[in-house]
């Protein structure tokens, strides 16, 4: 892509005559240090929107592409730029975001780094989130059904272990930065029915489910940072060798997880306690969760079940 210097201009319409395509991938050179990669059906209109929000744009480059190729090409360029340590201000498709983040206002950056290093976290007195009564009433019947199920004690313990080891300051970050749904309707008509799902930003982190025919045992999956997991084990194949029963997949490709993501799927979740106890997997799980929570608040707060969250957090701190 050829860079056009556009500092001081209010429009790039002059770069696109009647015969030039406006649909494609663009690169913005913002302030001499940072870049932004995006896609647009009409890049002239998109440039004007960016100019209003970002204040100034120094350089601009464009690659015309059909709409069907925009998502894949945008993801590829962002990952290439991140691998080359080009300072992007993107959030979607990035593994790590830069700059000030909403999470920093709740958990100081030094505490986040300490948490990543595996040091125990202490929740301050009175840090517990109090969710509106209407939210509790909304999910009360689901929680009652779930708590009466035969696997309740077992899968609640799994949730408690995950929250304790993978979610930073869970008492403080609950509801705004992570949520847990109880008997979610997602996949409710399929054989893979979900018991609960822990979510952050715009993705799932940890899901436990049951079979529609009532067969045992439950199934589960955890999304973790693949780069950290490989550092811990040497290779992804070594992860599978060390934990028989794990199916490793990176084809889910959650937009908020970035390039370094892998799903640890267990069709037989009986191996889950051993997986959750593995310190290398814990580190990979907490790294991905923190990367995602740093990006934005969760969009799934309206599906959060406070009763389930508090039952698990109480179990984790016993």
Protein backbone atom coordinates (compact mmCIF):
# COMPACT_ATOMS: atom_id res chain seq x y z
CA UNK A 1 0.00 0.00 0.00
CA UNK A 2 1.34 3.44 -0.95
CA UNK A 3 1.22 6.04 1.82
CA UNK A 4 -0.40 9.39 1.05
CA UNK A 5 0.47 12.26 3.39
CA UNK A 6 -2.83 13.82 4.46
CA UNK A 7 -1.87 15.97 7.46
CA UNK A 8 -4.10 19.05 7.56
CA UNK A 9 -6.64 17.68 5.08
CA UNK A 10 -10.31 17.38 6.00
CA UNK A 11 -11.18 14.82 3.33
CA UNK A 12 -9.54 12.26 1.04
CA UNK A 13 -12.31 12.41 -1.57
CA UNK A 14 -9.85 13.80 -4.12
CA UNK A 15 -7.95 10.47 -4.00
CA UNK A 16 -10.98 8.54 -5.20
CA UNK A 17 -12.41 9.48 -8.57
CA UNK A 18 -15.57 7.97 -10.05
CA UNK A 19 -13.75 4.84 -11.22
CA UNK A 20 -11.79 4.10 -8.04
CA UNK A 21 -13.11 1.50 -5.62
CA UNK A 22 -13.72 2.64 -2.06
CA UNK A 23 -14.16 -0.77 -0.43
CA UNK A 24 -11.02 -2.24 1.14
CA UNK A 25 -8.42 -2.19 3.92
CA UNK A 26 -6.81 1.05 5.07
CA UNK A 27 -3.88 2.08 7.26
CA UNK A 28 -3.81 5.32 9.24
CA UNK A 29 -0.53 6.90 10.37
CA UNK A 30 -1.79 8.86 13.35
CA UNK A 31 0.74 10.88 15.31
CA UNK A 32 4.22 9.94 14.24
CA UNK A 33 4.18 6.89 16.51
CA UNK A 34 0.95 4.96 16.25
CA UNK A 35 -0.97 3.26 13.46
CA UNK A 36 -4.47 1.93 12.92
CA UNK A 37 -5.58 -0.81 10.52
CA UNK A 38 -9.25 -0.97 9.51
CA UNK A 39 -11.73 -1.96 6.84
CA UNK A 40 -14.39 0.10 5.12
CA UNK A 41 -17.07 -0.25 2.49
CA UNK A 42 -16.58 3.46 1.73
CA UNK A 43 -13.15 4.56 2.93
CA UNK A 44 -13.80 8.27 2.20
CA UNK A 45 -16.65 8.32 4.69
CA UNK A 46 -14.68 6.18 7.17
CA UNK A 47 -11.70 8.55 7.00
CA UNK A 48 -13.95 11.50 7.88
CA UNK A 49 -15.30 9.58 10.90
CA UNK A 50 -11.78 8.80 12.11
CA UNK A 51 -10.74 12.40 11.68
CA UNK A 52 -13.55 13.56 13.95
CA UNK A 53 -12.66 11.02 16.64
CA UNK A 54 -8.85 11.02 16.46
CA UNK A 55 -8.23 14.73 15.83
CA UNK A 56 -5.44 14.41 13.26
CA UNK A 57 -4.16 11.88 10.75
CA UNK A 58 -0.75 12.27 9.13
CA UNK A 59 -0.65 9.42 6.63
CA UNK A 60 -3.11 7.16 4.82
CA UNK A 61 -2.74 4.02 2.70
CA UNK A 62 -5.43 1.91 1.04
CA UNK A 63 -5.79 -1.53 -0.53
CA UNK A 64 -9.02 -2.11 -2.52
CA UNK A 65 -10.60 -5.49 -1.79
CA UNK A 66 -14.02 -7.09 -2.24
CA UNK A 67 -16.20 -7.10 0.86
CA UNK A 68 -15.93 -10.89 1.19
CA UNK A 69 -12.19 -10.63 1.86
CA UNK A 70 -12.18 -7.74 4.32
CA UNK A 71 -12.36 -9.68 7.61
CA UNK A 72 -9.63 -12.17 6.78
CA UNK A 73 -7.25 -9.58 5.33
CA UNK A 74 -7.74 -7.14 8.21
CA UNK A 75 -7.01 -9.90 10.73
CA UNK A 76 -3.91 -10.96 8.79
CA UNK A 77 -2.47 -7.43 8.59
CA UNK A 78 -3.08 -6.74 12.27
CA UNK A 79 -1.33 -9.95 13.28
CA UNK A 80 1.61 -9.24 10.99
CA UNK A 81 1.95 -5.74 12.42
CA UNK A 82 1.75 -6.99 15.99
CA UNK A 83 4.39 -9.66 15.27
CA UNK A 84 6.69 -6.90 13.98
CA UNK A 85 5.95 -4.79 17.11
CA UNK A 86 4.40 -2.01 15.03
CA UNK A 87 2.51 0.19 17.53
CA UNK A 88 -1.17 -0.24 16.62
CA UNK A 89 -4.04 1.36 18.54
CA UNK A 90 -6.45 -1.35 17.38
CA UNK A 91 -8.37 -3.41 19.92
CA UNK A 92 -10.09 -6.10 17.85
CA UNK A 93 -7.77 -8.92 16.68
CA UNK A 94 -4.96 -7.65 18.92
CA UNK A 95 -3.41 -9.91 21.54
CA UNK A 96 -2.21 -7.00 23.68
CA UNK A 97 -3.63 -3.48 23.76
CA UNK A 98 -1.64 -0.39 24.73
CA UNK A 99 -2.45 2.85 26.49
CA UNK A 100 -4.78 3.57 29.41
CA UNK A 101 -7.49 0.99 30.03
CA UNK A 102 -10.68 1.00 32.07
CA UNK A 103 -9.45 -2.01 34.05
CA UNK A 104 -6.48 0.05 35.31
CA UNK A 105 -8.91 2.25 37.26
CA UNK A 106 -10.08 -0.78 39.21
CA UNK A 107 -6.87 -2.80 39.48
CA UNK A 108 -3.56 -0.86 39.35
CA UNK A 109 -1.14 -1.87 36.63
CA UNK A 110 1.50 -3.08 39.09
CA UNK A 111 -1.10 -5.38 40.68
CA UNK A 112 -1.97 -6.73 37.22
CA UNK A 113 1.68 -7.50 36.49
CA UNK A 114 2.08 -9.14 39.89
CA UNK A 115 -0.98 -11.25 39.16
CA UNK A 116 0.45 -12.35 35.82
CA UNK A 117 3.62 -13.40 37.60
CA UNK A 118 1.56 -15.77 39.73
CA UNK A 119 1.70 -13.89 43.03
CA UNK A 120 -1.38 -14.35 45.26
CA UNK A 121 -3.92 -11.57 45.13
CA UNK A 122 -5.65 -10.15 48.18
CA UNK A 123 -9.13 -8.72 47.86
CA UNK A 124 -9.69 -5.60 50.00
CA UNK A 125 -12.45 -5.69 52.61
CA UNK A 126 -15.78 -4.61 51.16
CA UNK A 127 -14.68 -5.12 47.57
CA UNK A 128 -17.62 -7.35 46.68
CA UNK A 129 -19.86 -6.11 43.87
CA UNK A 130 -23.53 -5.71 44.80
CA UNK A 131 -25.64 -6.49 41.75
CA UNK A 132 -29.14 -5.06 41.41
CA UNK A 133 -31.92 -7.21 42.90
CA UNK A 134 -33.68 -7.30 39.53
CA UNK A 135 -30.66 -9.07 38.05
CA UNK A 136 -30.79 -11.68 40.82
CA UNK A 137 -34.52 -12.26 40.39
CA UNK A 138 -34.12 -12.61 36.64
CA UNK A 139 -31.83 -15.65 36.97
CA UNK A 140 -33.11 -17.13 40.22
CA UNK A 141 -35.13 -19.94 38.62
CA UNK A 142 -32.21 -20.96 36.41
CA UNK A 143 -29.86 -21.03 39.37
CA UNK A 144 -32.33 -23.11 41.38
CA UNK A 145 -32.55 -25.65 38.55
CA UNK A 146 -28.79 -25.70 38.17
CA UNK A 147 -28.10 -26.06 41.90
CA UNK A 148 -30.49 -29.04 42.02
CA UNK A 149 -28.63 -30.90 39.25
CA UNK A 150 -26.60 -34.00 40.08
CA UNK A 151 -23.27 -32.47 39.02
CA UNK A 152 -23.76 -29.16 40.81
CA UNK A 153 -21.14 -29.58 43.57
CA UNK A 154 -18.56 -30.86 41.13
CA UNK A 155 -18.95 -28.22 38.43
CA UNK A 156 -19.27 -25.42 41.02
CA UNK A 157 -15.88 -26.46 42.39
CA UNK A 158 -14.43 -26.27 38.86
CA UNK A 159 -15.81 -22.77 38.47
CA UNK A 160 -14.37 -21.72 41.83
CA UNK A 161 -10.91 -23.02 40.87
CA UNK A 162 -11.04 -21.25 37.51
CA UNK A 163 -12.11 -17.89 38.98
CA UNK A 164 -9.47 -18.11 41.69
CA UNK A 165 -6.63 -18.91 39.29
CA UNK A 166 -7.56 -17.17 36.03
CA UNK A 167 -9.57 -14.02 36.84
CA UNK A 168 -7.84 -11.01 38.35
CA UNK A 169 -9.50 -9.54 41.46
CA UNK A 170 -12.74 -11.44 40.75
CA UNK A 171 -14.69 -9.77 43.57
CA UNK A 172 -13.98 -6.32 42.12
CA UNK A 173 -14.08 -7.13 38.39
CA UNK A 174 -17.27 -9.21 38.51
CA UNK A 175 -20.14 -7.99 36.32
CA UNK A 176 -18.23 -5.15 34.64
CA UNK A 177 -15.23 -7.10 33.32
CA UNK A 178 -16.31 -10.73 33.58
CA UNK A 179 -19.64 -12.49 33.91
CA UNK A 180 -20.93 -16.02 34.27
CA UNK A 181 -24.16 -17.18 32.68
CA UNK A 182 -26.21 -20.00 34.21
CA UNK A 183 -27.84 -22.57 31.90
CA UNK A 184 -27.43 -20.18 28.94
CA UNK A 185 -29.73 -20.61 25.97
CA UNK A 186 -26.73 -20.82 23.62
CA UNK A 187 -26.82 -24.30 22.14
CA UNK A 188 -29.82 -25.28 24.24
CA UNK A 189 -31.35 -27.17 21.32
CA UNK A 190 -28.14 -29.05 20.52
CA UNK A 191 -26.48 -32.07 22.07
CA UNK A 192 -23.79 -29.81 23.58
CA UNK A 193 -25.81 -27.99 26.24
CA UNK A 194 -24.06 -25.47 28.49
CA UNK A 195 -24.24 -25.46 32.26
CA UNK A 196 -22.39 -22.16 32.60
CA UNK A 197 -20.07 -19.90 30.62
CA UNK A 198 -17.54 -17.39 31.96
CA UNK A 199 -17.24 -14.46 29.55
CA UNK A 200 -15.10 -11.35 29.20
CA UNK A 201 -15.26 -8.57 26.62
CA UNK A 202 -16.82 -10.25 23.57
CA UNK A 203 -15.76 -13.86 24.07
CA UNK A 204 -16.03 -17.00 26.19
CA UNK A 205 -13.22 -17.90 28.56
CA UNK A 206 -14.38 -21.06 30.33
CA UNK A 207 -17.42 -23.20 29.54
CA UNK A 208 -18.76 -26.36 31.20
CA UNK A 209 -21.67 -28.28 29.69
CA UNK A 210 -23.73 -31.42 29.82
CA UNK A 211 -25.07 -33.81 27.23
CA UNK A 212 -28.68 -33.42 26.15
CA UNK A 213 -29.35 -37.13 26.75
CA UNK A 214 -28.11 -36.88 30.34
CA UNK A 215 -25.03 -39.00 29.70
CA UNK A 216 -22.00 -38.62 31.99
CA UNK A 217 -19.55 -37.02 32.45
CA UNK A 218 -19.80 -33.27 31.71
CA UNK A 219 -17.72 -31.64 28.94
CA UNK A 220 -15.71 -28.41 29.15
CA UNK A 221 -13.35 -26.07 27.36
CA UNK A 222 -10.93 -23.30 28.37
CA UNK A 223 -9.49 -20.63 26.11
CA UNK A 224 -5.86 -19.80 26.91
CA UNK A 225 -2.93 -17.82 25.50
CA UNK A 226 -1.14 -20.13 23.06
CA UNK A 227 2.18 -18.26 23.19
CA UNK A 228 2.34 -18.56 26.98
CA UNK A 229 1.24 -22.19 26.85
CA UNK A 230 4.01 -23.03 24.37
CA UNK A 231 6.56 -21.26 26.59
CA UNK A 232 5.42 -23.39 29.51
CA UNK A 233 5.40 -26.74 27.73
CA UNK A 234 7.82 -26.26 24.86
CA UNK A 235 5.16 -27.06 22.26
CA UNK A 236 1.41 -27.53 21.97
CA UNK A 237 1.92 -31.21 21.19
CA UNK A 238 3.61 -31.59 24.58
CA UNK A 239 0.48 -30.15 26.22
CA UNK A 240 -1.63 -32.90 24.62
CA UNK A 241 0.94 -35.53 25.61
CA UNK A 242 0.99 -34.33 29.21
CA UNK A 243 -2.80 -34.22 29.48
CA UNK A 244 -4.50 -37.15 27.70
CA UNK A 245 -8.08 -36.26 26.89
CA UNK A 246 -7.31 -32.70 25.78
CA UNK A 247 -8.23 -31.66 22.25
CA UNK A 248 -6.29 -28.54 21.27
CA UNK A 249 -7.85 -26.29 18.67
CA UNK A 250 -7.09 -22.79 17.41
CA UNK A 251 -9.85 -22.65 14.81
CA UNK A 252 -12.40 -20.82 16.99
CA UNK A 253 -10.55 -17.53 16.39
CA UNK A 254 -12.31 -15.19 18.81
CA UNK A 255 -11.85 -11.61 17.61
CA UNK A 256 -10.94 -10.31 21.08
CA UNK A 257 -8.34 -13.01 21.78
CA UNK A 258 -5.92 -11.91 19.05
CA UNK A 259 -3.39 -14.11 17.32
CA UNK A 260 -2.27 -16.09 20.36
CA UNK A 261 -5.22 -18.24 21.33
CA UNK A 262 -5.94 -21.94 21.67
CA UNK A 263 -8.93 -23.83 23.03
CA UNK A 264 -8.40 -26.73 25.42
CA UNK A 265 -11.47 -28.91 24.85
CA UNK A 266 -12.41 -31.88 27.04
CA UNK A 267 -15.19 -34.12 25.82
CA UNK A 268 -14.74 -35.96 29.10
CA UNK A 269 -14.32 -33.27 31.74
CA UNK A 270 -13.10 -35.74 34.35
CA UNK A 271 -9.58 -34.60 33.42
CA UNK A 272 -10.49 -30.96 34.13
CA UNK A 273 -9.28 -30.87 37.79
CA UNK A 274 -5.82 -32.04 36.66
CA UNK A 275 -5.82 -29.48 33.84
CA UNK A 276 -6.89 -26.64 36.14
CA UNK A 277 -4.18 -27.59 38.64
CA UNK A 278 -1.40 -27.36 36.03
CA UNK A 279 0.52 -24.15 36.76
CA UNK A 280 1.55 -23.65 33.12
CA UNK A 281 -2.08 -23.87 32.02
CA UNK A 282 -3.12 -21.54 34.85
CA UNK A 283 -0.59 -18.97 33.62
CA UNK A 284 -1.83 -19.27 30.02
CA UNK A 285 -5.46 -18.99 31.18
CA UNK A 286 -4.89 -15.92 33.35
CA UNK A 287 -2.82 -14.27 30.62
CA UNK A 288 -5.56 -14.58 28.01
CA UNK A 289 -8.26 -13.55 30.47
CA UNK A 290 -6.32 -10.44 31.50
CA UNK A 291 -5.51 -9.51 27.90
CA UNK A 292 -9.20 -9.66 27.05
CA UNK A 293 -10.36 -7.84 30.19
CA UNK A 294 -7.88 -5.06 29.46
CA UNK A 295 -9.55 -4.43 26.12
CA UNK A 296 -13.03 -3.54 27.28
CA UNK A 297 -15.86 -4.31 29.67
CA UNK A 298 -17.85 -7.46 29.05
CA UNK A 299 -20.89 -7.16 26.82
CA UNK A 300 -22.49 -10.13 28.62
CA UNK A 301 -23.24 -8.41 31.93
CA UNK A 302 -26.98 -8.62 31.28
CA UNK A 303 -26.67 -12.42 31.29
CA UNK A 304 -24.67 -12.54 34.53
CA UNK A 305 -26.03 -14.80 37.27
CA UNK A 306 -24.97 -13.22 40.61
CA UNK A 307 -26.08 -16.28 42.62
CA UNK A 308 -23.76 -18.58 40.69
CA UNK A 309 -20.87 -16.11 40.80
CA UNK A 310 -21.14 -15.60 44.54
CA UNK A 311 -21.53 -19.32 45.25
CA UNK A 312 -18.33 -19.99 43.31
CA UNK A 313 -16.41 -17.10 44.86
CA UNK A 314 -17.48 -18.15 48.36
CA UNK A 315 -16.30 -21.69 47.58
CA UNK A 316 -12.97 -20.36 46.29
CA UNK A 317 -12.25 -18.47 49.49
CA UNK A 318 -13.14 -21.19 51.99
